[in-house]
Amino acid sequence: MTNTLSTGRTDRHEIFQSAIQAFLERAPGDQDPTIEYDGVAFTVTQACKMVWNMADILPSSGTADLRDVLDFQSWTYAAVARAMHAHILANS
């Protein structure tokens, strides 16, 4: 599968929210898990880059566990994406 899906804002929100769950549920040693959205595979890193500058606020449902793993200053998609990406790089 390739990641050639043309994504709109809502798609990017959904992809990133799936990436958060994959990040939180990843197996030991799997620092950059892959998710699938609409038949297209994306790594968590790719999902992070999709929302890198997005100032929208991330819904709090299902994301509270992120605070146990990551250090970020706001609940924007961009802030969480950058924290997730930094964590992946630091632990690769």
C-alpha atoms as a PDB file:
ATOM      1  CA  MET A   1       0.000   0.000   0.000  1.00  0.00           C
ATOM      2  CA  THR A   2       1.160   3.509  -0.692  1.00  0.00           C
ATOM      3  CA  ASN A   3       0.134   6.707   1.008  1.00  0.00           C
ATOM      4  CA  THR A   4      -1.245   8.572  -1.990  1.00  0.00           C
ATOM      5  CA  LEU A   5      -4.598   9.436  -0.426  1.00  0.00           C
ATOM      6  CA  SER A   6      -5.640  13.031  -1.040  1.00  0.00           C
ATOM      7  CA  THR A   7      -6.602  14.206   2.424  1.00  0.00           C
ATOM      8  CA  GLY A   8      -8.747  17.049   3.628  1.00  0.00           C
ATOM      9  CA  ARG A   9      -8.782  18.548   7.098  1.00  0.00           C
ATOM     10  CA  THR A  10     -11.248  16.002   8.525  1.00  0.00           C
ATOM     11  CA  ASP A  11      -9.271  13.116   7.024  1.00  0.00           C
ATOM     12  CA  ARG A  12      -6.062  14.434   8.589  1.00  0.00           C
ATOM     13  CA  HIS A  13      -7.816  14.735  11.967  1.00  0.00           C
ATOM     14  CA  GLU A  14      -9.014  11.129  11.764  1.00  0.00           C
ATOM     15  CA  ILE A  15      -5.660   9.814  10.539  1.00  0.00           C
ATOM     16  CA  PHE A  16      -3.822  11.558  13.350  1.00  0.00           C
ATOM     17  CA  GLN A  17      -6.282  10.377  16.000  1.00  0.00           C
ATOM     18  CA  SER A  18      -5.733   6.810  14.754  1.00  0.00           C
ATOM     19  CA  ALA A  19      -1.997   7.430  14.903  1.00  0.00           C
ATOM     20  CA  ILE A  20      -2.291   8.518  18.545  1.00  0.00           C
ATOM     21  CA  GLN A  21      -3.980   5.219  19.408  1.00  0.00           C
ATOM     22  CA  ALA A  22      -1.344   3.248  17.501  1.00  0.00           C
ATOM     23  CA  PHE A  23       1.404   5.216  19.255  1.00  0.00           C
ATOM     24  CA  LEU A  24      -0.094   4.529  22.693  1.00  0.00           C
ATOM     25  CA  GLU A  25      -0.707   0.834  21.940  1.00  0.00           C
ATOM     26  CA  ARG A  26       2.564   0.128  20.112  1.00  0.00           C
ATOM     27  CA  ALA A  27       4.510  -2.993  20.895  1.00  0.00           C
ATOM     28  CA  PRO A  28       7.919  -2.679  22.558  1.00  0.00           C
ATOM     29  CA  GLY A  29      10.478  -1.942  19.877  1.00  0.00           C
ATOM     30  CA  ASP A  30       7.861  -0.694  17.393  1.00  0.00           C
ATOM     31  CA  GLN A  31       8.602   3.014  17.612  1.00  0.00           C
ATOM     32  CA  ASP A  32       6.815   4.058  14.397  1.00  0.00           C
ATOM     33  CA  PRO A  33       3.777   1.815  13.919  1.00  0.00           C
ATOM     34  CA  THR A  34       1.675   1.843  10.788  1.00  0.00           C
ATOM     35  CA  ILE A  35      -2.027   2.641  10.657  1.00  0.00           C
ATOM     36  CA  GLU A  36      -4.489   2.261   7.819  1.00  0.00           C
ATOM     37  CA  TYR A  37      -7.029   4.838   6.734  1.00  0.00           C
ATOM     38  CA  ASP A  38      -9.395   4.298   3.827  1.00  0.00           C
ATOM     39  CA  GLY A  39      -7.193   1.489   2.520  1.00  0.00           C
ATOM     40  CA  VAL A  40      -3.984   3.534   2.664  1.00  0.00           C
ATOM     41  CA  ALA A  41      -1.105   2.833   5.073  1.00  0.00           C
ATOM     42  CA  PHE A  42       0.589   5.617   7.039  1.00  0.00           C
ATOM     43  CA  THR A  43       3.299   5.533   9.681  1.00  0.00           C
ATOM     44  CA  VAL A  44       2.759   7.539  12.840  1.00  0.00           C
ATOM     45  CA  THR A  45       5.550   9.862  11.647  1.00  0.00           C
ATOM     46  CA  GLN A  46       3.707  10.481   8.375  1.00  0.00           C
ATOM     47  CA  ALA A  47       0.512  11.206  10.295  1.00  0.00           C
ATOM     48  CA  CYS A  48       2.397  13.666  12.508  1.00  0.00           C
ATOM     49  CA  LYS A  49       3.676  15.535   9.475  1.00  0.00           C
ATOM     50  CA  MET A  50       0.121  15.829   8.125  1.00  0.00           C
ATOM     51  CA  VAL A  51      -0.888  18.004  11.088  1.00  0.00           C
ATOM     52  CA  TRP A  52       2.516  19.575  11.812  1.00  0.00           C
ATOM     53  CA  ASN A  53       1.227  23.164  11.598  1.00  0.00           C
ATOM     54  CA  MET A  54      -2.441  22.551  12.428  1.00  0.00           C
ATOM     55  CA  ALA A  55      -3.638  24.856  15.201  1.00  0.00           C
ATOM     56  CA  ASP A  56      -6.946  23.004  15.651  1.00  0.00           C
ATOM     57  CA  ILE A  57      -7.554  21.676  19.163  1.00  0.00           C
ATOM     58  CA  LEU A  58      -7.358  17.919  19.549  1.00  0.00           C
ATOM     59  CA  PRO A  59     -10.471  16.373  21.149  1.00  0.00           C
ATOM     60  CA  SER A  60      -9.691  15.185  24.666  1.00  0.00           C
ATOM     61  CA  SER A  61     -11.560  11.894  24.336  1.00  0.00           C
ATOM     62  CA  GLY A  62      -9.127   8.999  24.183  1.00  0.00           C
ATOM     63  CA  THR A  63      -6.006  11.161  24.372  1.00  0.00           C
ATOM     64  CA  ALA A  64      -5.567  11.725  28.119  1.00  0.00           C
ATOM     65  CA  ASP A  65      -2.968   8.924  28.282  1.00  0.00           C
ATOM     66  CA  LEU A  66      -0.662  11.019  26.108  1.00  0.00           C
ATOM     67  CA  ARG A  67       0.273  13.165  29.125  1.00  0.00           C
ATOM     68  CA  ASP A  68       1.762  10.058  30.766  1.00  0.00           C
ATOM     69  CA  VAL A  69       4.128   9.552  27.824  1.00  0.00           C
ATOM     70  CA  LEU A  70       4.738  12.961  26.245  1.00  0.00           C
ATOM     71  CA  ASP A  71       5.534  16.516  27.291  1.00  0.00           C
ATOM     72  CA  PHE A  72       3.610  19.135  25.311  1.00  0.00           C
ATOM     73  CA  GLN A  73       2.351  22.623  26.076  1.00  0.00           C
ATOM     74  CA  SER A  74      -1.034  22.690  24.361  1.00  0.00           C
ATOM     75  CA  TRP A  75      -3.653  20.350  22.947  1.00  0.00           C
ATOM     76  CA  THR A  76      -3.285  21.504  19.350  1.00  0.00           C
ATOM     77  CA  TYR A  77      -2.722  18.873  16.708  1.00  0.00           C
ATOM     78  CA  ALA A  78       0.623  20.536  15.939  1.00  0.00           C
ATOM     79  CA  ALA A  79       1.876  20.460  19.546  1.00  0.00           C
ATOM     80  CA  VAL A  80       0.946  16.825  20.055  1.00  0.00           C
ATOM     81  CA  ALA A  81       2.325  15.801  16.642  1.00  0.00           C
ATOM     82  CA  ARG A  82       5.660  17.471  17.359  1.00  0.00           C
ATOM     83  CA  ALA A  83       5.886  15.819  20.781  1.00  0.00           C
ATOM     84  CA  MET A  84       5.046  12.384  19.336  1.00  0.00           C
ATOM     85  CA  HIS A  85       7.566  12.819  16.530  1.00  0.00           C
ATOM     86  CA  ALA A  86      10.306  13.919  18.946  1.00  0.00           C
ATOM     87  CA  HIS A  87       9.578  10.887  21.139  1.00  0.00           C
ATOM     88  CA  ILE A  88       9.811   8.544  18.158  1.00  0.00           C
ATOM     89  CA  LEU A  89      13.126  10.063  17.058  1.00  0.00           C
ATOM     90  CA  ALA A  90      14.572  10.012  20.567  1.00  0.00           C
ATOM     91  CA  ASN A  91      13.666   6.344  21.036  1.00  0.00           C
ATOM     92  CA  SER A  92      14.609   4.999  17.621  1.00  0.00           C
END
